[in-house]
Amino acid sequence: MTQLLVITKAPVPGRSKTRLTPPCTPLQASTIASAAVADTLDVVRATPVSRRVVALDGAPGDLDLHDLVVVPQVEGELGTRLAAAFATAMTGDGDLPTLLVGMDTPQITPDLLTDCLARLVTAGPGTAVLGTAPDGGWWALGVHSPAAAAVLPDVPMSREDTAVNTRAALEGAGFTVVDLPVLTDVDHWPEAVEVAALCPEGSRMRRTVEEIALAL
């Protein structure tokens, strides 16, 4: 029995994927964010797990969340919100092994997430799995209990040393860290183009980025 946890903002112009602006307008950036969230949730739905939770910042709006467990994000810095999301998602379920992903890697697949969860389960208690990104951040973190995620409030987020510091914090707390595949996440326009090309033909992300590229 395993669990997937997605942390995301509700796509809103001026609040979503702001580093895409420029060259994108705030509306175009939020449209890309909406496509990335929707594709990510489709993959999460298609991955065989016991429970699927979305930690949401903002009102759902047009997001389709009907078959997912939705919990609000707490106030505070990203590390605090991540730790709280793990704690909330893992409460009352016997500490299901849980893999957290954001919405910045819509190129993920059910097979990839299944493999990541299998690595977490195989590694056993006392371990965590970490998927890093080329920009120094990370796209996935899997743990066996909220205690591992409790190190996150002390890790500076959205920096080129975030993954290194996350690993150090986990190891400093006594956890062994197992590497997951490296994936590019979407922060800036060139990354949006790169990631969209990795998404399936007809996916929302690929279609949206291609349409916006023609308009720029």
C-alpha atoms as a PDB file:
ATOM      1  CA  MET A   1       0.000   0.000   0.000  1.00  0.00           C
ATOM      2  CA  THR A   2       1.406   3.339  -1.096  1.00  0.00           C
ATOM      3  CA  GLN A   3       0.294   6.925  -1.517  1.00  0.00           C
ATOM      4  CA  LEU A   4       0.888   9.787  -3.941  1.00  0.00           C
ATOM      5  CA  LEU A   5       0.848  13.396  -2.777  1.00  0.00           C
ATOM      6  CA  VAL A   6       0.728  16.358  -5.170  1.00  0.00           C
ATOM      7  CA  ILE A   7       1.476  19.871  -3.949  1.00  0.00           C
ATOM      8  CA  THR A   8       0.264  22.679  -6.174  1.00  0.00           C
ATOM      9  CA  LYS A   9      -1.111  26.180  -6.388  1.00  0.00           C
ATOM     10  CA  ALA A  10      -4.449  26.736  -8.063  1.00  0.00           C
ATOM     11  CA  PRO A  11      -3.543  28.279 -11.452  1.00  0.00           C
ATOM     12  CA  VAL A  12      -4.229  32.033 -11.269  1.00  0.00           C
ATOM     13  CA  PRO A  13      -2.736  34.751 -13.494  1.00  0.00           C
ATOM     14  CA  GLY A  14      -0.082  36.642 -11.578  1.00  0.00           C
ATOM     15  CA  ARG A  15       0.387  33.852  -9.008  1.00  0.00           C
ATOM     16  CA  SER A  16       1.213  30.819 -11.140  1.00  0.00           C
ATOM     17  CA  LYS A  17       4.546  30.146 -12.861  1.00  0.00           C
ATOM     18  CA  THR A  18       5.524  33.809 -12.580  1.00  0.00           C
ATOM     19  CA  ARG A  19       9.077  33.077 -13.747  1.00  0.00           C
ATOM     20  CA  LEU A  20       7.652  32.340 -17.193  1.00  0.00           C
ATOM     21  CA  THR A  21       6.892  36.063 -17.436  1.00  0.00           C
ATOM     22  CA  PRO A  22       8.429  37.350 -19.678  1.00  0.00           C
ATOM     23  CA  PRO A  23       8.216  36.174 -22.412  1.00  0.00           C
ATOM     24  CA  CYS A  24       4.777  34.857 -21.412  1.00  0.00           C
ATOM     25  CA  THR A  25       1.981  37.078 -20.198  1.00  0.00           C
ATOM     26  CA  PRO A  26       0.571  36.275 -16.736  1.00  0.00           C
ATOM     27  CA  LEU A  27      -2.444  34.663 -18.424  1.00  0.00           C
ATOM     28  CA  GLN A  28      -0.247  32.507 -20.658  1.00  0.00           C
ATOM     29  CA  ALA A  29       1.850  31.476 -17.649  1.00  0.00           C
ATOM     30  CA  SER A  30      -1.221  30.445 -15.677  1.00  0.00           C
ATOM     31  CA  THR A  31      -2.531  28.555 -18.722  1.00  0.00           C
ATOM     32  CA  ILE A  32       0.703  26.577 -18.827  1.00  0.00           C
ATOM     33  CA  ALA A  33       0.383  25.947 -15.100  1.00  0.00           C
ATOM     34  CA  SER A  34      -3.180  24.718 -15.537  1.00  0.00           C
ATOM     35  CA  ALA A  35      -2.113  22.332 -18.292  1.00  0.00           C
ATOM     36  CA  ALA A  36       0.783  21.021 -16.213  1.00  0.00           C
ATOM     37  CA  VAL A  37      -1.433  20.419 -13.182  1.00  0.00           C
ATOM     38  CA  ALA A  38      -4.088  18.641 -15.221  1.00  0.00           C
ATOM     39  CA  ASP A  39      -1.561  16.368 -16.943  1.00  0.00           C
ATOM     40  CA  THR A  40       0.129  15.618 -13.621  1.00  0.00           C
ATOM     41  CA  LEU A  41      -3.173  14.664 -11.998  1.00  0.00           C
ATOM     42  CA  ASP A  42      -4.038  12.408 -14.938  1.00  0.00           C
ATOM     43  CA  VAL A  43      -0.773  10.540 -14.393  1.00  0.00           C
ATOM     44  CA  VAL A  44      -1.397  10.324 -10.656  1.00  0.00           C
ATOM     45  CA  ARG A  45      -4.853   8.887 -11.314  1.00  0.00           C
ATOM     46  CA  ALA A  46      -3.377   6.282 -13.647  1.00  0.00           C
ATOM     47  CA  THR A  47      -0.763   5.139 -11.113  1.00  0.00           C
ATOM     48  CA  PRO A  48      -1.856   2.174  -8.949  1.00  0.00           C
ATOM     49  CA  VAL A  49      -1.732   3.410  -5.349  1.00  0.00           C
ATOM     50  CA  SER A  50      -3.945   3.178  -2.289  1.00  0.00           C
ATOM     51  CA  ARG A  51      -4.574   6.908  -1.932  1.00  0.00           C
ATOM     52  CA  ARG A  52      -4.081  10.103  -3.908  1.00  0.00           C
ATOM     53  CA  VAL A  53      -3.889  13.435  -2.075  1.00  0.00           C
ATOM     54  CA  VAL A  54      -3.617  16.986  -3.404  1.00  0.00           C
ATOM     55  CA  ALA A  55      -2.298  19.704  -1.086  1.00  0.00           C
ATOM     56  CA  LEU A  56      -3.823  22.794  -2.681  1.00  0.00           C
ATOM     57  CA  ASP A  57      -2.982  26.457  -2.277  1.00  0.00           C
ATOM     58  CA  GLY A  58      -6.020  28.488  -3.307  1.00  0.00           C
ATOM     59  CA  ALA A  59      -9.525  27.726  -4.510  1.00  0.00           C
ATOM     60  CA  PRO A  60      -9.884  24.788  -6.932  1.00  0.00           C
ATOM     61  CA  GLY A  61     -11.471  26.887  -9.659  1.00  0.00           C
ATOM     62  CA  ASP A  62     -11.591  24.822 -12.847  1.00  0.00           C
ATOM     63  CA  LEU A  63      -9.284  22.073 -11.556  1.00  0.00           C
ATOM     64  CA  ASP A  64     -10.829  18.606 -11.750  1.00  0.00           C
ATOM     65  CA  LEU A  65     -10.279  17.167  -8.275  1.00  0.00           C
ATOM     66  CA  HIS A  66     -13.461  15.109  -7.912  1.00  0.00           C
ATOM     67  CA  ASP A  67     -11.821  11.739  -7.209  1.00  0.00           C
ATOM     68  CA  LEU A  68      -8.863  12.985  -5.146  1.00  0.00           C
ATOM     69  CA  VAL A  69      -8.428  13.758  -1.457  1.00  0.00           C
ATOM     70  CA  VAL A  70      -7.886  17.517  -1.253  1.00  0.00           C
ATOM     71  CA  VAL A  71      -6.293  19.205   1.749  1.00  0.00           C
ATOM     72  CA  PRO A  72      -5.420  22.897   2.098  1.00  0.00           C
ATOM     73  CA  GLN A  73      -1.824  23.984   2.350  1.00  0.00           C
ATOM     74  CA  VAL A  74      -0.808  25.715   5.560  1.00  0.00           C
ATOM     75  CA  GLU A  75       0.625  29.203   5.701  1.00  0.00           C
ATOM     76  CA  GLY A  76       4.375  29.686   5.671  1.00  0.00           C
ATOM     77  CA  GLU A  77       7.472  29.079   3.580  1.00  0.00           C
ATOM     78  CA  LEU A  78       7.551  26.223   1.077  1.00  0.00           C
ATOM     79  CA  GLY A  79       9.482  23.867   3.368  1.00  0.00           C
ATOM     80  CA  THR A  80       6.879  24.359   6.093  1.00  0.00           C
ATOM     81  CA  ARG A  81       4.052  23.728   3.651  1.00  0.00           C
ATOM     82  CA  LEU A  82       5.721  20.584   2.306  1.00  0.00           C
ATOM     83  CA  ALA A  83       6.250  19.145   5.781  1.00  0.00           C
ATOM     84  CA  ALA A  84       2.664  19.908   6.752  1.00  0.00           C
ATOM     85  CA  ALA A  85       1.347  18.317   3.560  1.00  0.00           C
ATOM     86  CA  PHE A  86       3.198  15.091   4.347  1.00  0.00           C
ATOM     87  CA  ALA A  87       1.988  15.135   7.951  1.00  0.00           C
ATOM     88  CA  THR A  88      -1.635  15.684   6.921  1.00  0.00           C
ATOM     89  CA  ALA A  89      -1.594  13.111   4.126  1.00  0.00           C
ATOM     90  CA  MET A  90       0.036  10.449   6.302  1.00  0.00           C
ATOM     91  CA  THR A  91      -2.150  10.924   9.393  1.00  0.00           C
ATOM     92  CA  GLY A  92      -4.337   7.970  10.247  1.00  0.00           C
ATOM     93  CA  ASP A  93      -3.131   5.658   7.494  1.00  0.00           C
ATOM     94  CA  GLY A  94      -0.372   3.790   9.270  1.00  0.00           C
ATOM     95  CA  ASP A  95       2.304   5.933   7.665  1.00  0.00           C
ATOM     96  CA  LEU A  96       1.750   4.731   4.112  1.00  0.00           C
ATOM     97  CA  PRO A  97       4.954   5.100   2.091  1.00  0.00           C
ATOM     98  CA  THR A  98       4.292   8.403   0.349  1.00  0.00           C
ATOM     99  CA  LEU A  99       5.792  10.009  -2.742  1.00  0.00           C
ATOM    100  CA  LEU A 100       5.346  13.752  -3.189  1.00  0.00           C
ATOM    101  CA  VAL A 101       5.547  15.443  -6.574  1.00  0.00           C
ATOM    102  CA  GLY A 102       4.755  18.956  -7.723  1.00  0.00           C
ATOM    103  CA  MET A 103       3.151  20.107 -10.945  1.00  0.00           C
ATOM    104  CA  ASP A 104       6.408  21.227 -12.574  1.00  0.00           C
ATOM    105  CA  THR A 105       7.168  17.852 -14.197  1.00  0.00           C
ATOM    106  CA  PRO A 106       4.144  16.950 -16.336  1.00  0.00           C
ATOM    107  CA  GLN A 107       6.358  14.605 -18.360  1.00  0.00           C
ATOM    108  CA  ILE A 108       6.087  12.028 -15.569  1.00  0.00           C
ATOM    109  CA  THR A 109       4.402   8.718 -16.375  1.00  0.00           C
ATOM    110  CA  PRO A 110       2.552   6.088 -14.330  1.00  0.00           C
ATOM    111  CA  ASP A 111       5.438   3.681 -14.908  1.00  0.00           C
ATOM    112  CA  LEU A 112       7.933   6.214 -13.556  1.00  0.00           C
ATOM    113  CA  LEU A 113       5.894   6.911 -10.422  1.00  0.00           C
ATOM    114  CA  THR A 114       5.337   3.196  -9.887  1.00  0.00           C
ATOM    115  CA  ASP A 115       9.084   2.607 -10.115  1.00  0.00           C
ATOM    116  CA  CYS A 116       9.805   5.466  -7.687  1.00  0.00           C
ATOM    117  CA  LEU A 117       7.349   4.067  -5.156  1.00  0.00           C
ATOM    118  CA  ALA A 118       8.810   0.583  -5.583  1.00  0.00           C
ATOM    119  CA  ARG A 119      12.261   1.942  -4.786  1.00  0.00           C
ATOM    120  CA  LEU A 120      10.867   3.596  -1.662  1.00  0.00           C
ATOM    121  CA  VAL A 121       9.139   0.433  -0.477  1.00  0.00           C
ATOM    122  CA  THR A 122      12.128  -1.780  -1.273  1.00  0.00           C
ATOM    123  CA  ALA A 123      14.517   0.542   0.543  1.00  0.00           C
ATOM    124  CA  GLY A 124      12.404   0.170   3.669  1.00  0.00           C
ATOM    125  CA  PRO A 125      11.891   2.299   6.784  1.00  0.00           C
ATOM    126  CA  GLY A 126      14.705   4.635   7.644  1.00  0.00           C
ATOM    127  CA  THR A 127      15.131   5.647   4.015  1.00  0.00           C
ATOM    128  CA  ALA A 128      13.891   8.380   1.711  1.00  0.00           C
ATOM    129  CA  VAL A 129      13.938   8.671  -2.081  1.00  0.00           C
ATOM    130  CA  LEU A 130      14.851  11.935  -3.790  1.00  0.00           C
ATOM    131  CA  GLY A 131      14.477  12.948  -7.426  1.00  0.00           C
ATOM    132  CA  THR A 132      16.643  15.925  -8.283  1.00  0.00           C
ATOM    133  CA  ALA A 133      16.402  18.488 -11.084  1.00  0.00           C
ATOM    134  CA  PRO A 134      19.245  19.971 -13.178  1.00  0.00           C
ATOM    135  CA  ASP A 135      18.671  23.419 -11.637  1.00  0.00           C
ATOM    136  CA  GLY A 136      19.624  22.120  -8.184  1.00  0.00           C
ATOM    137  CA  GLY A 137      16.123  21.611  -6.881  1.00  0.00           C
ATOM    138  CA  TRP A 138      14.125  18.413  -6.620  1.00  0.00           C
ATOM    139  CA  TRP A 139      10.943  17.138  -8.240  1.00  0.00           C
ATOM    140  CA  ALA A 140      10.058  14.199  -5.984  1.00  0.00           C
ATOM    141  CA  LEU A 141      10.534  13.133  -2.392  1.00  0.00           C
ATOM    142  CA  GLY A 142       9.361   9.864  -0.913  1.00  0.00           C
ATOM    143  CA  VAL A 143       9.296   8.989   2.781  1.00  0.00           C
ATOM    144  CA  HIS A 144       7.965   6.312   5.107  1.00  0.00           C
ATOM    145  CA  SER A 145       6.827   8.647   7.877  1.00  0.00           C
ATOM    146  CA  PRO A 146       6.195  12.354   8.485  1.00  0.00           C
ATOM    147  CA  ALA A 147       9.340  12.402  10.655  1.00  0.00           C
ATOM    148  CA  ALA A 148      11.545  12.431   7.572  1.00  0.00           C
ATOM    149  CA  ALA A 149       9.645  15.324   6.006  1.00  0.00           C
ATOM    150  CA  ALA A 150       9.934  17.247   9.279  1.00  0.00           C
ATOM    151  CA  VAL A 151      13.437  18.336   8.201  1.00  0.00           C
ATOM    152  CA  LEU A 152      12.060  20.381   5.281  1.00  0.00           C
ATOM    153  CA  PRO A 153      11.211  23.644   7.114  1.00  0.00           C
ATOM    154  CA  ASP A 154      14.930  24.117   7.754  1.00  0.00           C
ATOM    155  CA  VAL A 155      15.899  23.636   4.093  1.00  0.00           C
ATOM    156  CA  PRO A 156      16.043  26.790   1.921  1.00  0.00           C
ATOM    157  CA  MET A 157      13.830  26.109  -1.096  1.00  0.00           C
ATOM    158  CA  SER A 158      13.933  27.234  -4.738  1.00  0.00           C
ATOM    159  CA  ARG A 159      17.716  27.559  -4.786  1.00  0.00           C
ATOM    160  CA  GLU A 160      20.493  25.852  -6.723  1.00  0.00           C
ATOM    161  CA  ASP A 161      21.549  24.012  -3.559  1.00  0.00           C
ATOM    162  CA  THR A 162      18.074  22.924  -2.419  1.00  0.00           C
ATOM    163  CA  ALA A 163      18.547  19.267  -3.372  1.00  0.00           C
ATOM    164  CA  VAL A 164      22.001  19.109  -1.774  1.00  0.00           C
ATOM    165  CA  ASN A 165      20.679  20.660   1.405  1.00  0.00           C
ATOM    166  CA  THR A 166      17.614  18.414   1.435  1.00  0.00           C
ATOM    167  CA  ARG A 167      19.823  15.342   1.182  1.00  0.00           C
ATOM    168  CA  ALA A 168      22.095  16.663   3.936  1.00  0.00           C
ATOM    169  CA  ALA A 169      19.130  17.375   6.212  1.00  0.00           C
ATOM    170  CA  LEU A 170      17.689  13.898   5.699  1.00  0.00           C
ATOM    171  CA  GLU A 171      21.038  12.207   6.270  1.00  0.00           C
ATOM    172  CA  GLY A 172      21.656  14.412   9.305  1.00  0.00           C
ATOM    173  CA  ALA A 173      18.378  13.154  10.761  1.00  0.00           C
ATOM    174  CA  GLY A 174      19.510   9.552  10.277  1.00  0.00           C
ATOM    175  CA  PHE A 175      17.794   8.701   6.988  1.00  0.00           C
ATOM    176  CA  THR A 176      19.470   6.990   4.035  1.00  0.00           C
ATOM    177  CA  VAL A 177      18.685   8.726   0.732  1.00  0.00           C
ATOM    178  CA  VAL A 178      18.099   6.723  -2.461  1.00  0.00           C
ATOM    179  CA  ASP A 179      18.332   8.551  -5.793  1.00  0.00           C
ATOM    180  CA  LEU A 180      15.467   8.712  -8.277  1.00  0.00           C
ATOM    181  CA  PRO A 181      15.859   9.704 -11.948  1.00  0.00           C
ATOM    182  CA  VAL A 182      16.793  13.319 -12.655  1.00  0.00           C
ATOM    183  CA  LEU A 183      13.999  15.306 -14.346  1.00  0.00           C
ATOM    184  CA  THR A 184      13.847  18.850 -15.676  1.00  0.00           C
ATOM    185  CA  ASP A 185      11.149  20.919 -14.002  1.00  0.00           C
ATOM    186  CA  VAL A 186       9.413  23.957 -15.445  1.00  0.00           C
ATOM    187  CA  ASP A 187      10.417  27.309 -14.038  1.00  0.00           C
ATOM    188  CA  HIS A 188      11.414  29.378 -17.092  1.00  0.00           C
ATOM    189  CA  TRP A 189      10.274  29.408 -20.725  1.00  0.00           C
ATOM    190  CA  PRO A 190      13.141  27.322 -22.189  1.00  0.00           C
ATOM    191  CA  GLU A 191      12.360  24.607 -19.651  1.00  0.00           C
ATOM    192  CA  ALA A 192       8.666  24.761 -20.552  1.00  0.00           C
ATOM    193  CA  VAL A 193       9.580  24.138 -24.201  1.00  0.00           C
ATOM    194  CA  GLU A 194      11.961  21.302 -23.245  1.00  0.00           C
ATOM    195  CA  VAL A 195       9.476  19.593 -20.949  1.00  0.00           C
ATOM    196  CA  ALA A 196       6.531  20.013 -23.327  1.00  0.00           C
ATOM    197  CA  ALA A 197       8.498  18.164 -26.007  1.00  0.00           C
ATOM    198  CA  LEU A 198       8.817  15.225 -23.612  1.00  0.00           C
ATOM    199  CA  CYS A 199       5.067  15.065 -22.999  1.00  0.00           C
ATOM    200  CA  PRO A 200       2.841  12.834 -25.141  1.00  0.00           C
ATOM    201  CA  GLU A 201       1.334  14.108 -28.374  1.00  0.00           C
ATOM    202  CA  GLY A 202      -2.010  15.674 -27.556  1.00  0.00           C
ATOM    203  CA  SER A 203      -1.220  16.278 -23.905  1.00  0.00           C
ATOM    204  CA  ARG A 204      -2.440  19.572 -22.478  1.00  0.00           C
ATOM    205  CA  MET A 205       1.096  20.707 -21.664  1.00  0.00           C
ATOM    206  CA  ARG A 206       2.479  19.985 -25.108  1.00  0.00           C
ATOM    207  CA  ARG A 207      -0.474  21.535 -26.915  1.00  0.00           C
ATOM    208  CA  THR A 208      -0.537  24.633 -24.707  1.00  0.00           C
ATOM    209  CA  VAL A 209       3.180  25.377 -24.993  1.00  0.00           C
ATOM    210  CA  GLU A 210       3.141  24.853 -28.757  1.00  0.00           C
ATOM    211  CA  GLU A 211       0.211  27.251 -29.111  1.00  0.00           C
ATOM    212  CA  ILE A 212       1.853  29.898 -26.919  1.00  0.00           C
ATOM    213  CA  ALA A 213       5.176  29.523 -28.757  1.00  0.00           C
ATOM    214  CA  LEU A 214       3.426  30.412 -32.007  1.00  0.00           C
ATOM    215  CA  ALA A 215       1.919  33.502 -30.385  1.00  0.00           C
ATOM    216  CA  LEU A 216       5.161  34.847 -28.898  1.00  0.00           C
END
